[in-house]
Amino acid sequence: RDLAVAAVARLDDPVVPEALRRELAPVAESVLGRIR
């Protein structure tokens, strides 16, 4: 759970490329939805 939160926090990091962020956003959403 903490790992998922950390991963999502990393997605907000400006270092993460826009394309990668778009690719991972749905995955992060589903993971967050599962742990809520």
N, C-alpha and C. Protein backbone atom coordinates (compact mmCIF):
# COMPACT_ATOMS: atom_id res chain seq x y z
N ARG A 1 0.84 -1.19 0.00
CA ARG A 1 0.00 0.00 0.00
C ARG A 1 0.88 1.25 0.00
N ASP A 2 1.85 1.30 0.89
CA ASP A 2 2.76 2.45 0.92
C ASP A 2 3.53 2.55 -0.40
N LEU A 3 3.84 1.38 -0.95
CA LEU A 3 4.57 1.35 -2.22
C LEU A 3 3.74 1.99 -3.33
N ALA A 4 2.45 1.68 -3.33
CA ALA A 4 1.56 2.24 -4.35
C ALA A 4 1.47 3.76 -4.20
N VAL A 5 1.35 4.21 -2.97
CA VAL A 5 1.27 5.65 -2.71
C VAL A 5 2.56 6.33 -3.14
N ALA A 6 3.69 5.69 -2.84
CA ALA A 6 4.98 6.25 -3.24
C ALA A 6 5.10 6.30 -4.76
N ALA A 7 4.61 5.25 -5.41
CA ALA A 7 4.68 5.21 -6.88
C ALA A 7 3.85 6.34 -7.49
N VAL A 8 2.67 6.57 -6.93
CA VAL A 8 1.81 7.65 -7.43
C VAL A 8 2.47 9.00 -7.17
N ALA A 9 3.10 9.14 -6.01
CA ALA A 9 3.80 10.38 -5.69
C ALA A 9 4.93 10.61 -6.69
N ARG A 10 5.59 9.53 -7.09
CA ARG A 10 6.66 9.64 -8.07
C ARG A 10 6.12 10.09 -9.42
N LEU A 11 4.88 9.73 -9.72
CA LEU A 11 4.28 10.13 -11.00
C LEU A 11 4.15 11.65 -11.08
N ASP A 12 4.05 12.30 -9.94
CA ASP A 12 3.93 13.76 -9.93
C ASP A 12 5.30 14.42 -10.07
N ASP A 13 6.37 13.60 -9.99
CA ASP A 13 7.73 14.13 -10.12
C ASP A 13 7.92 14.65 -11.54
N PRO A 14 8.38 15.89 -11.70
CA PRO A 14 8.57 16.47 -13.04
C PRO A 14 9.59 15.70 -13.87
N VAL A 15 10.40 14.87 -13.21
CA VAL A 15 11.43 14.11 -13.93
C VAL A 15 10.79 13.02 -14.79
N VAL A 16 9.61 12.56 -14.36
CA VAL A 16 8.93 11.49 -15.10
C VAL A 16 8.43 12.03 -16.45
N PRO A 17 8.82 11.37 -17.54
CA PRO A 17 8.37 11.83 -18.86
C PRO A 17 6.85 11.79 -18.99
N GLU A 18 6.32 12.70 -19.78
CA GLU A 18 4.87 12.81 -19.95
C GLU A 18 4.27 11.53 -20.51
N ALA A 19 4.95 10.92 -21.48
CA ALA A 19 4.43 9.69 -22.10
C ALA A 19 4.35 8.57 -21.07
N LEU A 20 5.39 8.46 -20.26
CA LEU A 20 5.41 7.41 -19.25
C LEU A 20 4.30 7.64 -18.24
N ARG A 21 4.10 8.90 -17.88
CA ARG A 21 3.05 9.24 -16.92
C ARG A 21 1.68 8.86 -17.47
N ARG A 22 1.44 9.18 -18.74
CA ARG A 22 0.15 8.83 -19.37
C ARG A 22 -0.03 7.32 -19.38
N GLU A 23 1.06 6.60 -19.59
CA GLU A 23 0.99 5.15 -19.66
C GLU A 23 0.68 4.54 -18.30
N LEU A 24 1.28 5.11 -17.26
CA LEU A 24 1.14 4.53 -15.92
C LEU A 24 -0.07 5.04 -15.15
N ALA A 25 -0.63 6.15 -15.57
CA ALA A 25 -1.76 6.73 -14.84
C ALA A 25 -2.91 5.74 -14.64
N PRO A 26 -3.37 5.04 -15.68
CA PRO A 26 -4.48 4.09 -15.49
C PRO A 26 -4.12 2.98 -14.52
N VAL A 27 -2.87 2.53 -14.57
CA VAL A 27 -2.41 1.47 -13.67
C VAL A 27 -2.45 1.98 -12.23
N ALA A 28 -1.95 3.19 -12.03
CA ALA A 28 -1.94 3.78 -10.69
C ALA A 28 -3.37 3.95 -10.18
N GLU A 29 -4.26 4.36 -11.07
CA GLU A 29 -5.66 4.55 -10.67
C GLU A 29 -6.28 3.23 -10.21
N SER A 30 -6.03 2.17 -10.97
CA SER A 30 -6.63 0.87 -10.61
C SER A 30 -6.05 0.35 -9.31
N VAL A 31 -4.75 0.57 -9.10
CA VAL A 31 -4.11 0.12 -7.86
C VAL A 31 -4.69 0.90 -6.68
N LEU A 32 -4.82 2.21 -6.85
CA LEU A 32 -5.39 3.04 -5.78
C LEU A 32 -6.82 2.63 -5.49
N GLY A 33 -7.57 2.36 -6.54
CA GLY A 33 -8.96 1.94 -6.37
C GLY A 33 -9.06 0.64 -5.59
N ARG A 34 -8.06 -0.22 -5.78
CA ARG A 34 -8.08 -1.53 -5.13
C ARG A 34 -7.74 -1.43 -3.65
N ILE A 35 -6.85 -0.49 -3.28
CA ILE A 35 -6.42 -0.41 -1.87
C ILE A 35 -7.34 0.48 -1.05
N ARG A 36 -8.21 1.25 -1.71
CA ARG A 36 -9.11 2.13 -0.96
C ARG A 36 -10.17 1.32 -0.24
